[in-house]
Amino acid sequence: LLWLGVGLAASALLSLTMPVVAVP
């Protein structure tokens, strides 16, 4: 769960600069 949380947090942060990849 911790790693899944880190993955969600990282992809959410990247959604500002790489939304096409980060949001999926």
mmCIF file of all heavy atoms, coordinates in Angstrom:
data_MODEL
# 
_entry.id   MODEL 
# 
loop_
_atom_site.group_PDB 
_atom_site.id 
_atom_site.type_symbol 
_atom_site.label_atom_id 
_atom_site.label_alt_id 
_atom_site.label_comp_id 
_atom_site.label_asym_id 
_atom_site.label_entity_id 
_atom_site.label_seq_id 
_atom_site.pdbx_PDB_ins_code 
_atom_site.Cartn_x 
_atom_site.Cartn_y 
_atom_site.Cartn_z 
_atom_site.occupancy 
_atom_site.B_iso_or_equiv 
_atom_site.pdbx_formal_charge 
_atom_site.auth_seq_id 
_atom_site.auth_comp_id 
_atom_site.auth_asym_id 
_atom_site.auth_atom_id 
_atom_site.pdbx_PDB_model_num 
ATOM 1   N N   . LEU A 1 1  ? 0.832  -1.204 0.000   1.00 0.00 ? 1  LEU A N   1 
ATOM 2   C CA  . LEU A 1 1  ? 0.000  0.000  0.000   1.00 0.00 ? 1  LEU A CA  1 
ATOM 3   C C   . LEU A 1 1  ? 0.867  1.255  0.000   1.00 0.00 ? 1  LEU A C   1 
ATOM 4   O O   . LEU A 1 1  ? 0.530  2.245  -0.664  1.00 0.00 ? 1  LEU A O   1 
ATOM 5   C CB  . LEU A 1 1  ? -0.929 0.015  1.219   1.00 0.00 ? 1  LEU A CB  1 
ATOM 6   C CG  . LEU A 1 1  ? -1.867 1.220  1.292   1.00 0.00 ? 1  LEU A CG  1 
ATOM 7   C CD1 . LEU A 1 1  ? -2.788 1.269  0.076   1.00 0.00 ? 1  LEU A CD1 1 
ATOM 8   C CD2 . LEU A 1 1  ? -2.700 1.199  2.576   1.00 0.00 ? 1  LEU A CD2 1 
ATOM 9   N N   . LEU A 1 2  ? 1.981  1.211  0.715   1.00 0.00 ? 2  LEU A N   1 
ATOM 10  C CA  . LEU A 1 2  ? 2.874  2.369  0.727   1.00 0.00 ? 2  LEU A CA  1 
ATOM 11  C C   . LEU A 1 2  ? 3.400  2.664  -0.670  1.00 0.00 ? 2  LEU A C   1 
ATOM 12  O O   . LEU A 1 2  ? 3.394  3.823  -1.116  1.00 0.00 ? 2  LEU A O   1 
ATOM 13  C CB  . LEU A 1 2  ? 4.037  2.129  1.691   1.00 0.00 ? 2  LEU A CB  1 
ATOM 14  C CG  . LEU A 1 2  ? 5.095  3.246  1.740   1.00 0.00 ? 2  LEU A CG  1 
ATOM 15  C CD1 . LEU A 1 2  ? 4.459  4.563  2.157   1.00 0.00 ? 2  LEU A CD1 1 
ATOM 16  C CD2 . LEU A 1 2  ? 6.226  2.853  2.683   1.00 0.00 ? 2  LEU A CD2 1 
ATOM 17  N N   . TRP A 1 3  ? 3.829  1.639  -1.374  1.00 0.00 ? 3  TRP A N   1 
ATOM 18  C CA  . TRP A 1 3  ? 4.351  1.862  -2.733  1.00 0.00 ? 3  TRP A CA  1 
ATOM 19  C C   . TRP A 1 3  ? 3.248  2.283  -3.697  1.00 0.00 ? 3  TRP A C   1 
ATOM 20  O O   . TRP A 1 3  ? 3.481  3.103  -4.594  1.00 0.00 ? 3  TRP A O   1 
ATOM 21  C CB  . TRP A 1 3  ? 5.069  0.604  -3.232  1.00 0.00 ? 3  TRP A CB  1 
ATOM 22  C CG  . TRP A 1 3  ? 6.415  0.426  -2.614  1.00 0.00 ? 3  TRP A CG  1 
ATOM 23  C CD1 . TRP A 1 3  ? 6.809  -0.531 -1.732  1.00 0.00 ? 3  TRP A CD1 1 
ATOM 24  C CD2 . TRP A 1 3  ? 7.542  1.291  -2.805  1.00 0.00 ? 3  TRP A CD2 1 
ATOM 25  N NE1 . TRP A 1 3  ? 8.116  -0.330 -1.361  1.00 0.00 ? 3  TRP A NE1 1 
ATOM 26  C CE2 . TRP A 1 3  ? 8.591  0.774  -2.007  1.00 0.00 ? 3  TRP A CE2 1 
ATOM 27  C CE3 . TRP A 1 3  ? 7.779  2.428  -3.567  1.00 0.00 ? 3  TRP A CE3 1 
ATOM 28  C CZ2 . TRP A 1 3  ? 9.849  1.366  -1.956  1.00 0.00 ? 3  TRP A CZ2 1 
ATOM 29  C CZ3 . TRP A 1 3  ? 9.039  3.023  -3.524  1.00 0.00 ? 3  TRP A CZ3 1 
ATOM 30  C CH2 . TRP A 1 3  ? 10.048 2.496  -2.718  1.00 0.00 ? 3  TRP A CH2 1 
ATOM 31  N N   . LEU A 1 4  ? 2.064  1.741  -3.524  1.00 0.00 ? 4  LEU A N   1 
ATOM 32  C CA  . LEU A 1 4  ? 0.938  2.201  -4.347  1.00 0.00 ? 4  LEU A CA  1 
ATOM 33  C C   . LEU A 1 4  ? 0.638  3.666  -4.069  1.00 0.00 ? 4  LEU A C   1 
ATOM 34  O O   . LEU A 1 4  ? 0.335  4.445  -4.984  1.00 0.00 ? 4  LEU A O   1 
ATOM 35  C CB  . LEU A 1 4  ? -0.305 1.357  -4.066  1.00 0.00 ? 4  LEU A CB  1 
ATOM 36  C CG  . LEU A 1 4  ? -0.266 -0.097 -4.535  1.00 0.00 ? 4  LEU A CG  1 
ATOM 37  C CD1 . LEU A 1 4  ? -1.532 -0.829 -4.093  1.00 0.00 ? 4  LEU A CD1 1 
ATOM 38  C CD2 . LEU A 1 4  ? -0.105 -0.183 -6.047  1.00 0.00 ? 4  LEU A CD2 1 
ATOM 39  N N   . GLY A 1 5  ? 0.730  4.067  -2.796  1.00 0.00 ? 5  GLY A N   1 
ATOM 40  C CA  . GLY A 1 5  ? 0.518  5.465  -2.439  1.00 0.00 ? 5  GLY A CA  1 
ATOM 41  C C   . GLY A 1 5  ? 1.578  6.370  -3.037  1.00 0.00 ? 5  GLY A C   1 
ATOM 42  O O   . GLY A 1 5  ? 1.270  7.457  -3.544  1.00 0.00 ? 5  GLY A O   1 
ATOM 43  N N   . VAL A 1 6  ? 2.828  5.936  -2.999  1.00 0.00 ? 6  VAL A N   1 
ATOM 44  C CA  . VAL A 1 6  ? 3.905  6.721  -3.614  1.00 0.00 ? 6  VAL A CA  1 
ATOM 45  C C   . VAL A 1 6  ? 3.673  6.836  -5.110  1.00 0.00 ? 6  VAL A C   1 
ATOM 46  O O   . VAL A 1 6  ? 3.884  7.898  -5.712  1.00 0.00 ? 6  VAL A O   1 
ATOM 47  C CB  . VAL A 1 6  ? 5.269  6.070  -3.310  1.00 0.00 ? 6  VAL A CB  1 
ATOM 48  C CG1 . VAL A 1 6  ? 6.374  6.735  -4.135  1.00 0.00 ? 6  VAL A CG1 1 
ATOM 49  C CG2 . VAL A 1 6  ? 5.594  6.165  -1.829  1.00 0.00 ? 6  VAL A CG2 1 
ATOM 50  N N   . GLY A 1 7  ? 3.221  5.743  -5.735  1.00 0.00 ? 7  GLY A N   1 
ATOM 51  C CA  . GLY A 1 7  ? 2.939  5.780  -7.169  1.00 0.00 ? 7  GLY A CA  1 
ATOM 52  C C   . GLY A 1 7  ? 1.820  6.750  -7.508  1.00 0.00 ? 7  GLY A C   1 
ATOM 53  O O   . GLY A 1 7  ? 1.913  7.509  -8.490  1.00 0.00 ? 7  GLY A O   1 
ATOM 54  N N   . LEU A 1 8  ? 0.757  6.746  -6.698  1.00 0.00 ? 8  LEU A N   1 
ATOM 55  C CA  . LEU A 1 8  ? -0.342 7.685  -6.929  1.00 0.00 ? 8  LEU A CA  1 
ATOM 56  C C   . LEU A 1 8  ? 0.127  9.115  -6.737  1.00 0.00 ? 8  LEU A C   1 
ATOM 57  O O   . LEU A 1 8  ? -0.194 10.001 -7.547  1.00 0.00 ? 8  LEU A O   1 
ATOM 58  C CB  . LEU A 1 8  ? -1.500 7.381  -5.977  1.00 0.00 ? 8  LEU A CB  1 
ATOM 59  C CG  . LEU A 1 8  ? -2.688 8.345  -6.030  1.00 0.00 ? 8  LEU A CG  1 
ATOM 60  C CD1 . LEU A 1 8  ? -3.309 8.371  -7.424  1.00 0.00 ? 8  LEU A CD1 1 
ATOM 61  C CD2 . LEU A 1 8  ? -3.739 7.980  -4.981  1.00 0.00 ? 8  LEU A CD2 1 
ATOM 62  N N   . ALA A 1 9  ? 0.906  9.351  -5.677  1.00 0.00 ? 9  ALA A N   1 
ATOM 63  C CA  . ALA A 1 9  ? 1.399  10.696 -5.413  1.00 0.00 ? 9  ALA A CA  1 
ATOM 64  C C   . ALA A 1 9  ? 2.303  11.188 -6.537  1.00 0.00 ? 9  ALA A C   1 
ATOM 65  O O   . ALA A 1 9  ? 2.194  12.337 -7.000  1.00 0.00 ? 9  ALA A O   1 
ATOM 66  C CB  . ALA A 1 9  ? 2.148  10.723 -4.077  1.00 0.00 ? 9  ALA A CB  1 
ATOM 67  N N   . ALA A 1 10 ? 3.199  10.330 -6.998  1.00 0.00 ? 10 ALA A N   1 
ATOM 68  C CA  . ALA A 1 10 ? 4.128  10.725 -8.065  1.00 0.00 ? 10 ALA A CA  1 
ATOM 69  C C   . ALA A 1 10 ? 3.394  11.011 -9.362  1.00 0.00 ? 10 ALA A C   1 
ATOM 70  O O   . ALA A 1 10 ? 3.671  12.005 -10.050 1.00 0.00 ? 10 ALA A O   1 
ATOM 71  C CB  . ALA A 1 10 ? 5.173  9.627  -8.268  1.00 0.00 ? 10 ALA A CB  1 
ATOM 72  N N   . SER A 1 11 ? 2.446  10.154 -9.727  1.00 0.00 ? 11 SER A N   1 
ATOM 73  C CA  . SER A 1 11 ? 1.703  10.376 -10.974 1.00 0.00 ? 11 SER A CA  1 
ATOM 74  C C   . SER A 1 11 ? 0.834  11.622 -10.874 1.00 0.00 ? 11 SER A C   1 
ATOM 75  O O   . SER A 1 11 ? 0.681  12.364 -11.852 1.00 0.00 ? 11 SER A O   1 
ATOM 76  C CB  . SER A 1 11 ? 0.851  9.142  -11.306 1.00 0.00 ? 11 SER A CB  1 
ATOM 77  O OG  . SER A 1 11 ? -0.022 8.828  -10.234 1.00 0.00 ? 11 SER A OG  1 
ATOM 78  N N   . ALA A 1 12 ? 0.266  11.884 -9.682  1.00 0.00 ? 12 ALA A N   1 
ATOM 79  C CA  . ALA A 1 12 ? -0.532 13.103 -9.505  1.00 0.00 ? 12 ALA A CA  1 
ATOM 80  C C   . ALA A 1 12 ? 0.344  14.335 -9.655  1.00 0.00 ? 12 ALA A C   1 
ATOM 81  O O   . ALA A 1 12 ? -0.068 15.340 -10.258 1.00 0.00 ? 12 ALA A O   1 
ATOM 82  C CB  . ALA A 1 12 ? -1.199 13.088 -8.141  1.00 0.00 ? 12 ALA A CB  1 
ATOM 83  N N   . LEU A 1 13 ? 1.542  14.283 -9.113  1.00 0.00 ? 13 LEU A N   1 
ATOM 84  C CA  . LEU A 1 13 ? 2.463  15.415 -9.237  1.00 0.00 ? 13 LEU A CA  1 
ATOM 85  C C   . LEU A 1 13 ? 2.890  15.625 -10.684 1.00 0.00 ? 13 LEU A C   1 
ATOM 86  O O   . LEU A 1 13 ? 2.940  16.755 -11.189 1.00 0.00 ? 13 LEU A O   1 
ATOM 87  C CB  . LEU A 1 13 ? 3.684  15.179 -8.349  1.00 0.00 ? 13 LEU A CB  1 
ATOM 88  C CG  . LEU A 1 13 ? 4.699  16.314 -8.247  1.00 0.00 ? 13 LEU A CG  1 
ATOM 89  C CD1 . LEU A 1 13 ? 4.047  17.587 -7.718  1.00 0.00 ? 13 LEU A CD1 1 
ATOM 90  C CD2 . LEU A 1 13 ? 5.860  15.904 -7.350  1.00 0.00 ? 13 LEU A CD2 1 
ATOM 91  N N   . LEU A 1 14 ? 3.160  14.526 -11.394 1.00 0.00 ? 14 LEU A N   1 
ATOM 92  C CA  . LEU A 1 14 ? 3.585  14.623 -12.795 1.00 0.00 ? 14 LEU A CA  1 
ATOM 93  C C   . LEU A 1 14 ? 2.454  15.064 -13.719 1.00 0.00 ? 14 LEU A C   1 
ATOM 94  O O   . LEU A 1 14 ? 2.713  15.465 -14.856 1.00 0.00 ? 14 LEU A O   1 
ATOM 95  C CB  . LEU A 1 14 ? 4.126  13.274 -13.268 1.00 0.00 ? 14 LEU A CB  1 
ATOM 96  C CG  . LEU A 1 14 ? 5.508  12.871 -12.740 1.00 0.00 ? 14 LEU A CG  1 
ATOM 97  C CD1 . LEU A 1 14 ? 5.846  11.453 -13.169 1.00 0.00 ? 14 LEU A CD1 1 
ATOM 98  C CD2 . LEU A 1 14 ? 6.569  13.851 -13.227 1.00 0.00 ? 14 LEU A CD2 1 
ATOM 99  N N   . SER A 1 15 ? 1.208  14.978 -13.230 1.00 0.00 ? 15 SER A N   1 
ATOM 100 C CA  . SER A 1 15 ? 0.080  15.366 -14.073 1.00 0.00 ? 15 SER A CA  1 
ATOM 101 C C   . SER A 1 15 ? 0.134  16.843 -14.464 1.00 0.00 ? 15 SER A C   1 
ATOM 102 O O   . SER A 1 15 ? -0.525 17.256 -15.421 1.00 0.00 ? 15 SER A O   1 
ATOM 103 C CB  . SER A 1 15 ? -1.244 15.064 -13.373 1.00 0.00 ? 15 SER A CB  1 
ATOM 104 O OG  . SER A 1 15 ? -1.429 15.898 -12.233 1.00 0.00 ? 15 SER A OG  1 
ATOM 105 N N   . LEU A 1 16 ? 0.904  17.643 -13.735 1.00 0.00 ? 16 LEU A N   1 
ATOM 106 C CA  . LEU A 1 16 ? 1.032  19.064 -14.074 1.00 0.00 ? 16 LEU A CA  1 
ATOM 107 C C   . LEU A 1 16 ? 1.892  19.278 -15.312 1.00 0.00 ? 16 LEU A C   1 
ATOM 108 O O   . LEU A 1 16 ? 1.708  20.250 -16.037 1.00 0.00 ? 16 LEU A O   1 
ATOM 109 C CB  . LEU A 1 16 ? 1.635  19.835 -12.893 1.00 0.00 ? 16 LEU A CB  1 
ATOM 110 C CG  . LEU A 1 16 ? 0.767  19.962 -11.647 1.00 0.00 ? 16 LEU A CG  1 
ATOM 111 C CD1 . LEU A 1 16 ? 1.520  20.686 -10.546 1.00 0.00 ? 16 LEU A CD1 1 
ATOM 112 C CD2 . LEU A 1 16 ? -0.531 20.699 -11.964 1.00 0.00 ? 16 LEU A CD2 1 
ATOM 113 N N   . THR A 1 17 ? 2.848  18.375 -15.557 1.00 0.00 ? 17 THR A N   1 
ATOM 114 C CA  . THR A 1 17 ? 3.775  18.554 -16.677 1.00 0.00 ? 17 THR A CA  1 
ATOM 115 C C   . THR A 1 17 ? 3.632  17.471 -17.746 1.00 0.00 ? 17 THR A C   1 
ATOM 116 O O   . THR A 1 17 ? 3.956  17.711 -18.904 1.00 0.00 ? 17 THR A O   1 
ATOM 117 C CB  . THR A 1 17 ? 5.228  18.567 -16.163 1.00 0.00 ? 17 THR A CB  1 
ATOM 118 O OG1 . THR A 1 17 ? 5.477  17.362 -15.435 1.00 0.00 ? 17 THR A OG1 1 
ATOM 119 C CG2 . THR A 1 17 ? 5.460  19.768 -15.270 1.00 0.00 ? 17 THR A CG2 1 
ATOM 120 N N   . MET A 1 18 ? 3.172  16.283 -17.366 1.00 0.00 ? 18 MET A N   1 
ATOM 121 C CA  . MET A 1 18 ? 3.032  15.169 -18.315 1.00 0.00 ? 18 MET A CA  1 
ATOM 122 C C   . MET A 1 18 ? 1.656  14.530 -18.155 1.00 0.00 ? 18 MET A C   1 
ATOM 123 O O   . MET A 1 18 ? 1.548  13.340 -17.863 1.00 0.00 ? 18 MET A O   1 
ATOM 124 C CB  . MET A 1 18 ? 4.133  14.133 -18.077 1.00 0.00 ? 18 MET A CB  1 
ATOM 125 C CG  . MET A 1 18 ? 5.540  14.682 -18.168 1.00 0.00 ? 18 MET A CG  1 
ATOM 126 S SD  . MET A 1 18 ? 6.765  13.464 -17.606 1.00 0.00 ? 18 MET A SD  1 
ATOM 127 C CE  . MET A 1 18 ? 6.415  12.070 -18.673 1.00 0.00 ? 18 MET A CE  1 
ATOM 128 N N   . PRO A 1 19 ? 0.581  15.285 -18.337 1.00 0.00 ? 19 PRO A N   1 
ATOM 129 C CA  . PRO A 1 19 ? -0.759 14.751 -18.035 1.00 0.00 ? 19 PRO A CA  1 
ATOM 130 C C   . PRO A 1 19 ? -1.160 13.559 -18.888 1.00 0.00 ? 19 PRO A C   1 
ATOM 131 O O   . PRO A 1 19 ? -1.879 12.680 -18.408 1.00 0.00 ? 19 PRO A O   1 
ATOM 132 C CB  . PRO A 1 19 ? -1.673 15.950 -18.273 1.00 0.00 ? 19 PRO A CB  1 
ATOM 133 C CG  . PRO A 1 19 ? -0.917 16.848 -19.198 1.00 0.00 ? 19 PRO A CG  1 
ATOM 134 C CD  . PRO A 1 19 ? 0.523  16.670 -18.841 1.00 0.00 ? 19 PRO A CD  1 
ATOM 135 N N   . VAL A 1 20 ? -0.724 13.519 -20.139 1.00 0.00 ? 20 VAL A N   1 
ATOM 136 C CA  . VAL A 1 20 ? -1.139 12.428 -21.027 1.00 0.00 ? 20 VAL A CA  1 
ATOM 137 C C   . VAL A 1 20 ? -0.662 11.080 -20.499 1.00 0.00 ? 20 VAL A C   1 
ATOM 138 O O   . VAL A 1 20 ? -1.351 10.062 -20.625 1.00 0.00 ? 20 VAL A O   1 
ATOM 139 C CB  . VAL A 1 20 ? -0.604 12.670 -22.456 1.00 0.00 ? 20 VAL A CB  1 
ATOM 140 C CG1 . VAL A 1 20 ? -0.916 11.489 -23.355 1.00 0.00 ? 20 VAL A CG1 1 
ATOM 141 C CG2 . VAL A 1 20 ? -1.211 13.943 -23.040 1.00 0.00 ? 20 VAL A CG2 1 
ATOM 142 N N   . VAL A 1 21 ? 0.496  11.060 -19.904 1.00 0.00 ? 21 VAL A N   1 
ATOM 143 C CA  . VAL A 1 21 ? 1.041  9.825  -19.336 1.00 0.00 ? 21 VAL A CA  1 
ATOM 144 C C   . VAL A 1 21 ? 0.634  9.666  -17.877 1.00 0.00 ? 21 VAL A C   1 
ATOM 145 O O   . VAL A 1 21 ? 0.264  8.575  -17.435 1.00 0.00 ? 21 VAL A O   1 
ATOM 146 C CB  . VAL A 1 21 ? 2.586  9.823  -19.450 1.00 0.00 ? 21 VAL A CB  1 
ATOM 147 C CG1 . VAL A 1 21 ? 3.161  8.599  -18.747 1.00 0.00 ? 21 VAL A CG1 1 
ATOM 148 C CG2 . VAL A 1 21 ? 3.014  9.873  -20.901 1.00 0.00 ? 21 VAL A CG2 1 
ATOM 149 N N   . ALA A 1 22 ? 0.683  10.757 -17.129 1.00 0.00 ? 22 ALA A N   1 
ATOM 150 C CA  . ALA A 1 22 ? 0.529  10.675 -15.678 1.00 0.00 ? 22 ALA A CA  1 
ATOM 151 C C   . ALA A 1 22 ? -0.892 10.346 -15.243 1.00 0.00 ? 22 ALA A C   1 
ATOM 152 O O   . ALA A 1 22 ? -1.088 9.581  -14.286 1.00 0.00 ? 22 ALA A O   1 
ATOM 153 C CB  . ALA A 1 22 ? 0.985  11.986 -15.037 1.00 0.00 ? 22 ALA A CB  1 
ATOM 154 N N   . VAL A 1 23 ? -1.897 10.909 -15.897 1.00 0.00 ? 23 VAL A N   1 
ATOM 155 C CA  . VAL A 1 23 ? -3.276 10.690 -15.451 1.00 0.00 ? 23 VAL A CA  1 
ATOM 156 C C   . VAL A 1 23 ? -3.696 9.222  -15.606 1.00 0.00 ? 23 VAL A C   1 
ATOM 157 O O   . VAL A 1 23 ? -4.279 8.650  -14.669 1.00 0.00 ? 23 VAL A O   1 
ATOM 158 C CB  . VAL A 1 23 ? -4.247 11.642 -16.180 1.00 0.00 ? 23 VAL A CB  1 
ATOM 159 C CG1 . VAL A 1 23 ? -5.701 11.279 -15.857 1.00 0.00 ? 23 VAL A CG1 1 
ATOM 160 C CG2 . VAL A 1 23 ? -3.974 13.086 -15.775 1.00 0.00 ? 23 VAL A CG2 1 
ATOM 161 N N   . PRO A 1 24 ? -3.416 8.565  -16.754 1.00 0.00 ? 24 PRO A N   1 
ATOM 162 C CA  . PRO A 1 24 ? -3.724 7.125  -16.809 1.00 0.00 ? 24 PRO A CA  1 
ATOM 163 C C   . PRO A 1 24 ? -2.961 6.309  -15.760 1.00 0.00 ? 24 PRO A C   1 
ATOM 164 O O   . PRO A 1 24 ? -3.504 5.353  -15.206 1.00 0.00 ? 24 PRO A O   1 
ATOM 165 C CB  . PRO A 1 24 ? -3.294 6.737  -18.231 1.00 0.00 ? 24 PRO A CB  1 
ATOM 166 C CG  . PRO A 1 24 ? -3.427 7.989  -19.019 1.00 0.00 ? 24 PRO A CG  1 
ATOM 167 C CD  . PRO A 1 24 ? -3.009 9.077  -18.089 1.00 0.00 ? 24 PRO A CD  1 
# 
